[in-house]
Amino acid sequence: MAVLSTVGCSRSADTVESRTSTQPSPSLGTAAMRLDKPERLLGRWNESVDRRLIGLAEKNMGFFKGFVREEPTSAVGTAYVAAKEHYSPELGVYRDDDRFILLSGVSGAVTAPDAVLDAVFAGLTAVDDVEPVPSGPLGGKARCGVGRSKDLRIDVCVWASAQSLGMIHFGGLTGADDPGEKFRQIRSQTEHSAG
């Protein structure tokens, strides 16, 4: 299963850091945030046991660690599916519904959120129609775009704020499913005050 990923991004975190080193640092007076892995997403999506999907989310999470100063205060990289998963020796993990959600993110002091969004989407060369979207009550900046992997539509939404950075892949959803709204719901379900 091929999925759009930032791994191998054409711009590294070091490039973003060096391009933005003369800009002021984000306010240190803002509340520290953390990311927690929900047991279920959107009330009905269960965490996947499919190592292929989880591995992609974890790779993105690892890539994002390069965009925070020092060590991340929390990190999440996992996958969720809409249907019950099964296992067989011939097929491995499979399900009757191909839809999935990948959740990847880190919390900590993010350097230059706008430049980070530019770098992430520059690495997602198969994603088109990237547009700013409302980031929701947690603030920061967010963008979403659409790509394809084989015959599967994949919506990708990324947020960056002074305290966190994350990406959500929606595999197999349609535009009518309103990925932008689901992105804000999932972010609100995942990101919390560290205090």
C-alpha atoms as a PDB file:
ATOM      1  CA  MET A   1       0.000   0.000   0.000  1.00  0.00           C
ATOM      2  CA  ALA A   2       1.511   3.308  -1.056  1.00  0.00           C
ATOM      3  CA  VAL A   3       0.653   6.416   0.920  1.00  0.00           C
ATOM      4  CA  LEU A   4       1.815   9.984   0.507  1.00  0.00           C
ATOM      5  CA  SER A   5       4.539  10.671   3.033  1.00  0.00           C
ATOM      6  CA  THR A   6       6.924  13.464   3.967  1.00  0.00           C
ATOM      7  CA  VAL A   7       9.814  11.080   4.434  1.00  0.00           C
ATOM      8  CA  GLY A   8      12.499  12.069   1.979  1.00  0.00           C
ATOM      9  CA  CYS A   9      11.205  15.623   1.897  1.00  0.00           C
ATOM     10  CA  SER A  10      13.185  17.858  -0.419  1.00  0.00           C
ATOM     11  CA  ARG A  11      13.820  20.386   2.358  1.00  0.00           C
ATOM     12  CA  SER A  12      15.171  19.361   5.713  1.00  0.00           C
ATOM     13  CA  ALA A  13      14.403  20.848   9.099  1.00  0.00           C
ATOM     14  CA  ASP A  14      17.943  22.223   9.088  1.00  0.00           C
ATOM     15  CA  THR A  15      17.107  24.222   5.956  1.00  0.00           C
ATOM     16  CA  VAL A  16      14.018  25.718   7.591  1.00  0.00           C
ATOM     17  CA  GLU A  17      16.010  26.479  10.758  1.00  0.00           C
ATOM     18  CA  SER A  18      18.773  28.245   8.849  1.00  0.00           C
ATOM     19  CA  ARG A  19      16.331  30.239   6.680  1.00  0.00           C
ATOM     20  CA  THR A  20      14.459  31.471   9.719  1.00  0.00           C
ATOM     21  CA  SER A  21      17.179  31.895  12.312  1.00  0.00           C
ATOM     22  CA  THR A  22      16.969  35.692  12.131  1.00  0.00           C
ATOM     23  CA  GLN A  23      13.230  35.748  12.807  1.00  0.00           C
ATOM     24  CA  PRO A  24      11.985  36.252  16.354  1.00  0.00           C
ATOM     25  CA  SER A  25      11.254  33.165  18.405  1.00  0.00           C
ATOM     26  CA  PRO A  26       7.646  32.230  19.133  1.00  0.00           C
ATOM     27  CA  SER A  27       6.328  33.609  22.386  1.00  0.00           C
ATOM     28  CA  LEU A  28       7.489  31.504  25.279  1.00  0.00           C
ATOM     29  CA  GLY A  29       4.520  32.781  27.290  1.00  0.00           C
ATOM     30  CA  THR A  30       2.094  30.559  25.387  1.00  0.00           C
ATOM     31  CA  ALA A  31       0.811  27.445  27.087  1.00  0.00           C
ATOM     32  CA  ALA A  32       2.768  24.248  26.475  1.00  0.00           C
ATOM     33  CA  MET A  33       0.823  21.642  24.534  1.00  0.00           C
ATOM     34  CA  ARG A  34       0.997  17.883  24.250  1.00  0.00           C
ATOM     35  CA  LEU A  35      -0.326  15.313  21.797  1.00  0.00           C
ATOM     36  CA  ASP A  36      -2.062  12.179  23.036  1.00  0.00           C
ATOM     37  CA  LYS A  37      -3.162   9.216  20.965  1.00  0.00           C
ATOM     38  CA  PRO A  38      -6.952   8.861  21.179  1.00  0.00           C
ATOM     39  CA  GLU A  39      -8.331   5.378  21.741  1.00  0.00           C
ATOM     40  CA  ARG A  40     -10.877   6.076  18.976  1.00  0.00           C
ATOM     41  CA  LEU A  41     -11.072   8.873  16.451  1.00  0.00           C
ATOM     42  CA  LEU A  42     -14.304  10.654  15.606  1.00  0.00           C
ATOM     43  CA  GLY A  43     -16.184   8.283  17.892  1.00  0.00           C
ATOM     44  CA  ARG A  44     -15.917   5.223  15.641  1.00  0.00           C
ATOM     45  CA  TRP A  45     -12.492   4.859  14.015  1.00  0.00           C
ATOM     46  CA  ASN A  46     -10.411   2.191  15.799  1.00  0.00           C
ATOM     47  CA  GLU A  47      -6.646   2.193  16.062  1.00  0.00           C
ATOM     48  CA  SER A  48      -5.139  -0.049  13.403  1.00  0.00           C
ATOM     49  CA  VAL A  49      -2.771  -2.974  13.954  1.00  0.00           C
ATOM     50  CA  ASP A  50      -1.546  -2.759  10.337  1.00  0.00           C
ATOM     51  CA  ARG A  51       2.224  -2.213  10.653  1.00  0.00           C
ATOM     52  CA  ARG A  52       2.400  -0.762   7.118  1.00  0.00           C
ATOM     53  CA  LEU A  53       0.050   2.100   8.040  1.00  0.00           C
ATOM     54  CA  ILE A  54       1.505   2.613  11.514  1.00  0.00           C
ATOM     55  CA  GLY A  55       5.031   2.601  10.069  1.00  0.00           C
ATOM     56  CA  LEU A  56       4.170   5.438   7.670  1.00  0.00           C
ATOM     57  CA  ALA A  57       2.695   7.531  10.483  1.00  0.00           C
ATOM     58  CA  GLU A  58       5.751   6.865  12.665  1.00  0.00           C
ATOM     59  CA  LYS A  59       8.144   7.876   9.850  1.00  0.00           C
ATOM     60  CA  ASN A  60       6.329  11.191   9.474  1.00  0.00           C
ATOM     61  CA  MET A  61       6.427  11.680  13.242  1.00  0.00           C
ATOM     62  CA  GLY A  62      10.181  11.084  13.203  1.00  0.00           C
ATOM     63  CA  PHE A  63      10.625  13.594  10.378  1.00  0.00           C
ATOM     64  CA  PHE A  64       8.634  16.216  12.301  1.00  0.00           C
ATOM     65  CA  LYS A  65      10.945  15.900  15.314  1.00  0.00           C
ATOM     66  CA  GLY A  66      13.520  17.808  13.267  1.00  0.00           C
ATOM     67  CA  PHE A  67      11.294  20.890  13.282  1.00  0.00           C
ATOM     68  CA  VAL A  68      11.185  21.381  17.059  1.00  0.00           C
ATOM     69  CA  ARG A  69      13.912  22.953  19.132  1.00  0.00           C
ATOM     70  CA  GLU A  70      15.460  20.440  21.503  1.00  0.00           C
ATOM     71  CA  GLU A  71      13.484  17.270  22.192  1.00  0.00           C
ATOM     72  CA  PRO A  72       9.732  17.070  21.525  1.00  0.00           C
ATOM     73  CA  THR A  73       7.594  17.161  24.663  1.00  0.00           C
ATOM     74  CA  SER A  74       5.300  14.522  23.123  1.00  0.00           C
ATOM     75  CA  ALA A  75       4.905  12.666  19.849  1.00  0.00           C
ATOM     76  CA  VAL A  76       2.280  10.540  18.162  1.00  0.00           C
ATOM     77  CA  GLY A  77       2.406   8.356  15.062  1.00  0.00           C
ATOM     78  CA  THR A  78      -0.412   5.896  14.493  1.00  0.00           C
ATOM     79  CA  ALA A  79      -3.223   4.848  12.166  1.00  0.00           C
ATOM     80  CA  TYR A  80      -6.970   4.377  12.469  1.00  0.00           C
ATOM     81  CA  VAL A  81      -9.395   2.392  10.325  1.00  0.00           C
ATOM     82  CA  ALA A  82     -13.153   2.491   9.821  1.00  0.00           C
ATOM     83  CA  ALA A  83     -13.672  -1.287   9.646  1.00  0.00           C
ATOM     84  CA  LYS A  84     -12.655  -4.223  11.793  1.00  0.00           C
ATOM     85  CA  GLU A  85      -9.308  -5.686  10.783  1.00  0.00           C
ATOM     86  CA  HIS A  86      -8.699  -9.381  10.172  1.00  0.00           C
ATOM     87  CA  TYR A  87      -5.579 -11.478   9.773  1.00  0.00           C
ATOM     88  CA  SER A  88      -4.774 -14.367   7.507  1.00  0.00           C
ATOM     89  CA  PRO A  89      -1.388 -15.969   6.729  1.00  0.00           C
ATOM     90  CA  GLU A  90      -1.957 -15.331   3.006  1.00  0.00           C
ATOM     91  CA  LEU A  91      -3.106 -11.694   3.198  1.00  0.00           C
ATOM     92  CA  GLY A  92      -1.677 -10.467   6.480  1.00  0.00           C
ATOM     93  CA  VAL A  93      -3.816  -7.738   8.057  1.00  0.00           C
ATOM     94  CA  TYR A  94      -6.804  -6.871   5.877  1.00  0.00           C
ATOM     95  CA  ARG A  95     -10.202  -5.200   6.136  1.00  0.00           C
ATOM     96  CA  ASP A  96     -13.293  -4.852   3.972  1.00  0.00           C
ATOM     97  CA  ASP A  97     -13.130  -1.038   3.984  1.00  0.00           C
ATOM     98  CA  ASP A  98     -10.004   0.654   2.567  1.00  0.00           C
ATOM     99  CA  ARG A  99     -10.533   3.949   4.401  1.00  0.00           C
ATOM    100  CA  PHE A 100      -7.860   4.935   6.916  1.00  0.00           C
ATOM    101  CA  ILE A 101      -6.546   7.919   8.856  1.00  0.00           C
ATOM    102  CA  LEU A 102      -2.859   8.445   9.618  1.00  0.00           C
ATOM    103  CA  LEU A 103      -2.065  10.724  12.549  1.00  0.00           C
ATOM    104  CA  SER A 104       1.483  12.063  12.966  1.00  0.00           C
ATOM    105  CA  GLY A 105       2.679  14.916  15.129  1.00  0.00           C
ATOM    106  CA  VAL A 106       4.999  16.337  17.736  1.00  0.00           C
ATOM    107  CA  SER A 107       4.759  18.998  20.410  1.00  0.00           C
ATOM    108  CA  GLY A 108       7.498  21.345  21.493  1.00  0.00           C
ATOM    109  CA  ALA A 109       8.877  24.696  20.375  1.00  0.00           C
ATOM    110  CA  VAL A 110       8.272  24.778  16.610  1.00  0.00           C
ATOM    111  CA  THR A 111      10.529  27.087  14.652  1.00  0.00           C
ATOM    112  CA  ALA A 112       8.748  29.311  12.079  1.00  0.00           C
ATOM    113  CA  PRO A 113       5.389  27.533  11.574  1.00  0.00           C
ATOM    114  CA  ASP A 114       4.781  29.094   8.116  1.00  0.00           C
ATOM    115  CA  ALA A 115       8.179  27.957   6.839  1.00  0.00           C
ATOM    116  CA  VAL A 116       7.561  24.496   8.304  1.00  0.00           C
ATOM    117  CA  LEU A 117       4.266  24.207   6.396  1.00  0.00           C
ATOM    118  CA  ASP A 118       6.064  25.263   3.208  1.00  0.00           C
ATOM    119  CA  ALA A 119       8.739  22.609   3.768  1.00  0.00           C
ATOM    120  CA  VAL A 120       6.270  19.827   4.539  1.00  0.00           C
ATOM    121  CA  PHE A 121       4.126  20.470   1.452  1.00  0.00           C
ATOM    122  CA  ALA A 122       7.223  20.914  -0.733  1.00  0.00           C
ATOM    123  CA  GLY A 123       8.039  17.305   0.143  1.00  0.00           C
ATOM    124  CA  LEU A 124       4.537  16.108  -0.682  1.00  0.00           C
ATOM    125  CA  THR A 125       4.994  16.378  -4.436  1.00  0.00           C
ATOM    126  CA  ALA A 126       1.931  14.234  -5.199  1.00  0.00           C
ATOM    127  CA  VAL A 127      -0.383  16.577  -3.260  1.00  0.00           C
ATOM    128  CA  ASP A 128      -2.174  19.271  -5.275  1.00  0.00           C
ATOM    129  CA  ASP A 129      -4.697  22.003  -4.570  1.00  0.00           C
ATOM    130  CA  VAL A 130      -3.053  22.951  -1.267  1.00  0.00           C
ATOM    131  CA  GLU A 131      -5.097  25.686   0.380  1.00  0.00           C
ATOM    132  CA  PRO A 132      -5.099  27.367   3.792  1.00  0.00           C
ATOM    133  CA  VAL A 133      -7.895  26.101   6.041  1.00  0.00           C
ATOM    134  CA  PRO A 134      -9.110  27.253   9.458  1.00  0.00           C
ATOM    135  CA  SER A 135      -6.866  25.711  12.116  1.00  0.00           C
ATOM    136  CA  GLY A 136      -9.608  25.631  14.743  1.00  0.00           C
ATOM    137  CA  PRO A 137      -9.574  26.783  18.363  1.00  0.00           C
ATOM    138  CA  LEU A 138      -6.011  25.576  18.977  1.00  0.00           C
ATOM    139  CA  GLY A 139      -4.600  28.222  16.629  1.00  0.00           C
ATOM    140  CA  GLY A 140      -1.575  28.177  14.401  1.00  0.00           C
ATOM    141  CA  LYS A 141      -1.701  27.773  10.634  1.00  0.00           C
ATOM    142  CA  ALA A 142      -3.156  24.890   8.641  1.00  0.00           C
ATOM    143  CA  ARG A 143      -3.342  23.783   5.021  1.00  0.00           C
ATOM    144  CA  CYS A 144      -4.990  20.868   3.247  1.00  0.00           C
ATOM    145  CA  GLY A 145      -4.431  19.337  -0.174  1.00  0.00           C
ATOM    146  CA  VAL A 146      -5.464  16.291  -2.184  1.00  0.00           C
ATOM    147  CA  GLY A 147      -3.373  13.508  -3.669  1.00  0.00           C
ATOM    148  CA  ARG A 148      -3.815  10.017  -5.038  1.00  0.00           C
ATOM    149  CA  SER A 149      -2.101   6.752  -4.279  1.00  0.00           C
ATOM    150  CA  LYS A 150      -3.005   4.220  -6.918  1.00  0.00           C
ATOM    151  CA  ASP A 151      -6.781   4.724  -7.219  1.00  0.00           C
ATOM    152  CA  LEU A 152      -7.284   5.968  -3.673  1.00  0.00           C
ATOM    153  CA  ARG A 153      -7.982   9.638  -2.918  1.00  0.00           C
ATOM    154  CA  ILE A 154      -5.846  10.893  -0.028  1.00  0.00           C
ATOM    155  CA  ASP A 155      -6.591  14.219   1.635  1.00  0.00           C
ATOM    156  CA  VAL A 156      -3.664  15.613   3.611  1.00  0.00           C
ATOM    157  CA  CYS A 157      -4.010  18.320   6.272  1.00  0.00           C
ATOM    158  CA  VAL A 158      -1.034  19.785   8.143  1.00  0.00           C
ATOM    159  CA  TRP A 159      -0.967  22.243  11.028  1.00  0.00           C
ATOM    160  CA  ALA A 160       1.915  24.137  12.590  1.00  0.00           C
ATOM    161  CA  SER A 161       1.832  26.393  15.629  1.00  0.00           C
ATOM    162  CA  ALA A 162       4.468  27.658  18.030  1.00  0.00           C
ATOM    163  CA  GLN A 163       3.765  24.592  20.243  1.00  0.00           C
ATOM    164  CA  SER A 164       2.967  21.715  17.861  1.00  0.00           C
ATOM    165  CA  LEU A 165       3.172  20.318  14.347  1.00  0.00           C
ATOM    166  CA  GLY A 166       1.082  17.549  12.892  1.00  0.00           C
ATOM    167  CA  MET A 167      -0.297  15.912   9.779  1.00  0.00           C
ATOM    168  CA  ILE A 168      -3.402  13.876   9.119  1.00  0.00           C
ATOM    169  CA  HIS A 169      -3.842  11.683   6.027  1.00  0.00           C
ATOM    170  CA  PHE A 170      -7.414  10.723   5.147  1.00  0.00           C
ATOM    171  CA  GLY A 171      -7.319   7.718   2.823  1.00  0.00           C
ATOM    172  CA  GLY A 172     -10.432   6.886   0.836  1.00  0.00           C
ATOM    173  CA  LEU A 173     -12.635   9.741   2.025  1.00  0.00           C
ATOM    174  CA  THR A 174     -14.466  12.000  -0.410  1.00  0.00           C
ATOM    175  CA  GLY A 175     -14.728  15.766  -0.556  1.00  0.00           C
ATOM    176  CA  ALA A 176     -18.275  15.373   0.775  1.00  0.00           C
ATOM    177  CA  ASP A 177     -16.777  13.846   3.951  1.00  0.00           C
ATOM    178  CA  ASP A 178     -15.323  17.338   4.655  1.00  0.00           C
ATOM    179  CA  PRO A 179     -11.728  16.397   5.532  1.00  0.00           C
ATOM    180  CA  GLY A 180     -11.036  19.980   6.700  1.00  0.00           C
ATOM    181  CA  GLU A 181     -13.699  19.711   9.398  1.00  0.00           C
ATOM    182  CA  LYS A 182     -12.570  16.201  10.371  1.00  0.00           C
ATOM    183  CA  PHE A 183      -9.002  17.549  10.624  1.00  0.00           C
ATOM    184  CA  ARG A 184     -10.090  20.162  13.184  1.00  0.00           C
ATOM    185  CA  GLN A 185     -12.060  17.564  15.166  1.00  0.00           C
ATOM    186  CA  ILE A 186      -9.115  15.155  15.255  1.00  0.00           C
ATOM    187  CA  ARG A 187      -6.668  17.886  16.230  1.00  0.00           C
ATOM    188  CA  SER A 188      -8.961  18.946  19.084  1.00  0.00           C
ATOM    189  CA  GLN A 189      -9.234  15.312  20.155  1.00  0.00           C
ATOM    190  CA  THR A 190      -5.429  14.855  20.074  1.00  0.00           C
ATOM    191  CA  GLU A 191      -3.849  18.130  21.250  1.00  0.00           C
ATOM    192  CA  HIS A 192      -4.222  19.298  24.862  1.00  0.00           C
ATOM    193  CA  SER A 193      -2.632  21.682  27.316  1.00  0.00           C
ATOM    194  CA  ALA A 194       0.376  20.098  28.990  1.00  0.00           C
ATOM    195  CA  GLY A 195      -0.518  21.750  32.300  1.00  0.00           C
END
